[in-house]
Amino acid sequence: MSSIYAMQRANGDWFALDDHGRFRMPLFSSIRDAMRARASYWGMLLFKPVALDGRSLKELVPSDGVSDTDFWLVDNPFTNLNRGRSIDRAQLSLLVQDAA
């Protein structure tokens, strides 16, 4: 499988949506999809797509596995970012390892 991409700002901040007190981080299956979503959602304009790797995954998922961030694989970058599939941390870890 190809890489999984998330949106990151130059200062290292990751893009996530507020979802009733939790964070939902949209993930994309290609740079092209991430850039399309960025063009249609003004809140992401200062962010760029970054391929997730083991290091970034450790930053996003604490070692104890408890976090207030949910991961969301966006199916169609032209629709609302709320449309997608929830991915748990174990699935995301497997996808990132497979891409490496």
C-alpha atoms as a PDB file:
ATOM      1  CA  MET A   1       0.000   0.000   0.000  1.00  0.00           C
ATOM      2  CA  SER A   2       1.118   3.554  -0.565  1.00  0.00           C
ATOM      3  CA  SER A   3       1.813   6.006   2.223  1.00  0.00           C
ATOM      4  CA  ILE A   4      -0.796   7.581   4.466  1.00  0.00           C
ATOM      5  CA  TYR A   5      -0.664  11.374   4.635  1.00  0.00           C
ATOM      6  CA  ALA A   6      -1.660  13.841   7.329  1.00  0.00           C
ATOM      7  CA  MET A   7      -1.481  17.622   7.226  1.00  0.00           C
ATOM      8  CA  GLN A   8       1.322  19.333   9.148  1.00  0.00           C
ATOM      9  CA  ARG A   9       2.311  22.981   9.528  1.00  0.00           C
ATOM     10  CA  ALA A  10       5.906  24.215   9.277  1.00  0.00           C
ATOM     11  CA  ASN A  11       6.106  24.597  13.071  1.00  0.00           C
ATOM     12  CA  GLY A  12       5.243  20.902  13.520  1.00  0.00           C
ATOM     13  CA  ASP A  13       1.576  21.273  14.468  1.00  0.00           C
ATOM     14  CA  TRP A  14      -0.752  18.644  13.020  1.00  0.00           C
ATOM     15  CA  PHE A  15      -4.139  19.543  11.530  1.00  0.00           C
ATOM     16  CA  ALA A  16      -7.150  18.125  13.371  1.00  0.00           C
ATOM     17  CA  LEU A  17     -10.818  19.044  13.577  1.00  0.00           C
ATOM     18  CA  ASP A  18     -12.567  19.630  16.890  1.00  0.00           C
ATOM     19  CA  ASP A  19     -15.141  16.879  17.367  1.00  0.00           C
ATOM     20  CA  HIS A  20     -17.058  17.623  20.584  1.00  0.00           C
ATOM     21  CA  GLY A  21     -13.943  17.914  22.735  1.00  0.00           C
ATOM     22  CA  ARG A  22     -11.928  15.261  20.901  1.00  0.00           C
ATOM     23  CA  PHE A  23      -9.697  15.799  17.921  1.00  0.00           C
ATOM     24  CA  ARG A  24     -10.307  14.109  14.591  1.00  0.00           C
ATOM     25  CA  MET A  25      -7.256  13.992  12.350  1.00  0.00           C
ATOM     26  CA  PRO A  26      -8.081  13.542   8.675  1.00  0.00           C
ATOM     27  CA  LEU A  27      -5.780  11.148   6.824  1.00  0.00           C
ATOM     28  CA  PHE A  28      -5.386  10.837   3.076  1.00  0.00           C
ATOM     29  CA  SER A  29      -4.281   8.015   0.818  1.00  0.00           C
ATOM     30  CA  SER A  30      -2.324  10.299  -1.531  1.00  0.00           C
ATOM     31  CA  ILE A  31      -0.686  13.711  -1.683  1.00  0.00           C
ATOM     32  CA  ARG A  32      -3.111  14.615  -4.447  1.00  0.00           C
ATOM     33  CA  ASP A  33      -6.142  13.914  -2.236  1.00  0.00           C
ATOM     34  CA  ALA A  34      -4.599  15.906   0.629  1.00  0.00           C
ATOM     35  CA  MET A  35      -3.939  18.896  -1.652  1.00  0.00           C
ATOM     36  CA  ARG A  36      -7.491  18.749  -3.044  1.00  0.00           C
ATOM     37  CA  ALA A  37      -8.944  18.768   0.459  1.00  0.00           C
ATOM     38  CA  ARG A  38      -6.613  21.623   1.404  1.00  0.00           C
ATOM     39  CA  ALA A  39      -7.841  23.686  -1.551  1.00  0.00           C
ATOM     40  CA  SER A  40     -11.471  23.236  -0.558  1.00  0.00           C
ATOM     41  CA  TYR A  41     -11.084  23.723   3.211  1.00  0.00           C
ATOM     42  CA  TRP A  42      -9.544  27.083   4.126  1.00  0.00           C
ATOM     43  CA  GLY A  43      -8.468  25.902   7.608  1.00  0.00           C
ATOM     44  CA  MET A  44      -5.786  23.722   6.045  1.00  0.00           C
ATOM     45  CA  LEU A  45      -4.149  26.365   3.864  1.00  0.00           C
ATOM     46  CA  LEU A  46      -1.097  26.681   6.133  1.00  0.00           C
ATOM     47  CA  PHE A  47      -0.603  22.910   6.271  1.00  0.00           C
ATOM     48  CA  LYS A  48       1.099  20.563   3.826  1.00  0.00           C
ATOM     49  CA  PRO A  49       0.755  16.815   3.340  1.00  0.00           C
ATOM     50  CA  VAL A  50       3.336  14.732   5.176  1.00  0.00           C
ATOM     51  CA  ALA A  51       3.699  10.966   4.897  1.00  0.00           C
ATOM     52  CA  LEU A  52       3.258   9.300   8.258  1.00  0.00           C
ATOM     53  CA  ASP A  53       6.172   7.192   9.438  1.00  0.00           C
ATOM     54  CA  GLY A  54       7.118   5.465  12.667  1.00  0.00           C
ATOM     55  CA  ARG A  55       8.498   8.649  14.222  1.00  0.00           C
ATOM     56  CA  SER A  56       5.423  10.753  13.472  1.00  0.00           C
ATOM     57  CA  LEU A  57       3.163   7.944  14.623  1.00  0.00           C
ATOM     58  CA  LYS A  58       4.939   7.882  18.003  1.00  0.00           C
ATOM     59  CA  GLU A  59       4.361  11.637  18.229  1.00  0.00           C
ATOM     60  CA  LEU A  60       0.658  11.263  17.470  1.00  0.00           C
ATOM     61  CA  VAL A  61      -0.034   8.110  19.469  1.00  0.00           C
ATOM     62  CA  PRO A  62       1.310   8.078  23.036  1.00  0.00           C
ATOM     63  CA  SER A  63       3.066   4.943  24.247  1.00  0.00           C
ATOM     64  CA  ASP A  64       0.170   4.167  26.602  1.00  0.00           C
ATOM     65  CA  GLY A  65      -2.221   4.299  23.627  1.00  0.00           C
ATOM     66  CA  VAL A  66      -4.553   6.767  25.376  1.00  0.00           C
ATOM     67  CA  SER A  67      -5.191   9.910  23.392  1.00  0.00           C
ATOM     68  CA  ASP A  68      -7.937  12.388  22.633  1.00  0.00           C
ATOM     69  CA  THR A  69      -7.253  12.102  18.889  1.00  0.00           C
ATOM     70  CA  ASP A  70      -9.200   9.940  16.465  1.00  0.00           C
ATOM     71  CA  PHE A  71      -7.930   9.176  12.975  1.00  0.00           C
ATOM     72  CA  TRP A  72     -10.205   9.518   9.992  1.00  0.00           C
ATOM     73  CA  LEU A  73      -9.374   8.226   6.502  1.00  0.00           C
ATOM     74  CA  VAL A  74     -11.024  10.672   4.100  1.00  0.00           C
ATOM     75  CA  ASP A  75     -12.728   8.833   1.242  1.00  0.00           C
ATOM     76  CA  ASN A  76     -13.349  11.797  -1.033  1.00  0.00           C
ATOM     77  CA  PRO A  77     -11.350  15.026  -0.594  1.00  0.00           C
ATOM     78  CA  PHE A  78     -14.032  17.091  -2.353  1.00  0.00           C
ATOM     79  CA  THR A  79     -16.727  16.302   0.204  1.00  0.00           C
ATOM     80  CA  ASN A  80     -17.057  17.357   3.798  1.00  0.00           C
ATOM     81  CA  LEU A  81     -14.111  16.174   5.909  1.00  0.00           C
ATOM     82  CA  ASN A  82     -16.649  14.498   8.202  1.00  0.00           C
ATOM     83  CA  ARG A  83     -17.156  11.810   5.573  1.00  0.00           C
ATOM     84  CA  GLY A  84     -14.650   9.060   5.902  1.00  0.00           C
ATOM     85  CA  ARG A  85     -13.737   5.950   7.837  1.00  0.00           C
ATOM     86  CA  SER A  86     -12.536   5.814  11.385  1.00  0.00           C
ATOM     87  CA  ILE A  87      -9.178   4.078  11.794  1.00  0.00           C
ATOM     88  CA  ASP A  88      -8.026   2.895  15.185  1.00  0.00           C
ATOM     89  CA  ARG A  89      -4.427   3.206  16.298  1.00  0.00           C
ATOM     90  CA  ALA A  90      -3.609  -0.451  15.645  1.00  0.00           C
ATOM     91  CA  GLN A  91      -4.885  -0.250  12.053  1.00  0.00           C
ATOM     92  CA  LEU A  92      -2.975   2.975  11.486  1.00  0.00           C
ATOM     93  CA  SER A  93       0.222   1.415  12.844  1.00  0.00           C
ATOM     94  CA  LEU A  94      -0.167  -1.499  10.441  1.00  0.00           C
ATOM     95  CA  LEU A  95      -0.790   0.804   7.480  1.00  0.00           C
ATOM     96  CA  VAL A  96       2.262   2.912   8.303  1.00  0.00           C
ATOM     97  CA  GLN A  97       4.436  -0.194   8.724  1.00  0.00           C
ATOM     98  CA  ASP A  98       3.165  -1.642   5.421  1.00  0.00           C
ATOM     99  CA  ALA A  99       3.993   1.605   3.622  1.00  0.00           C
ATOM    100  CA  ALA A 100       7.545   1.549   4.977  1.00  0.00           C
END
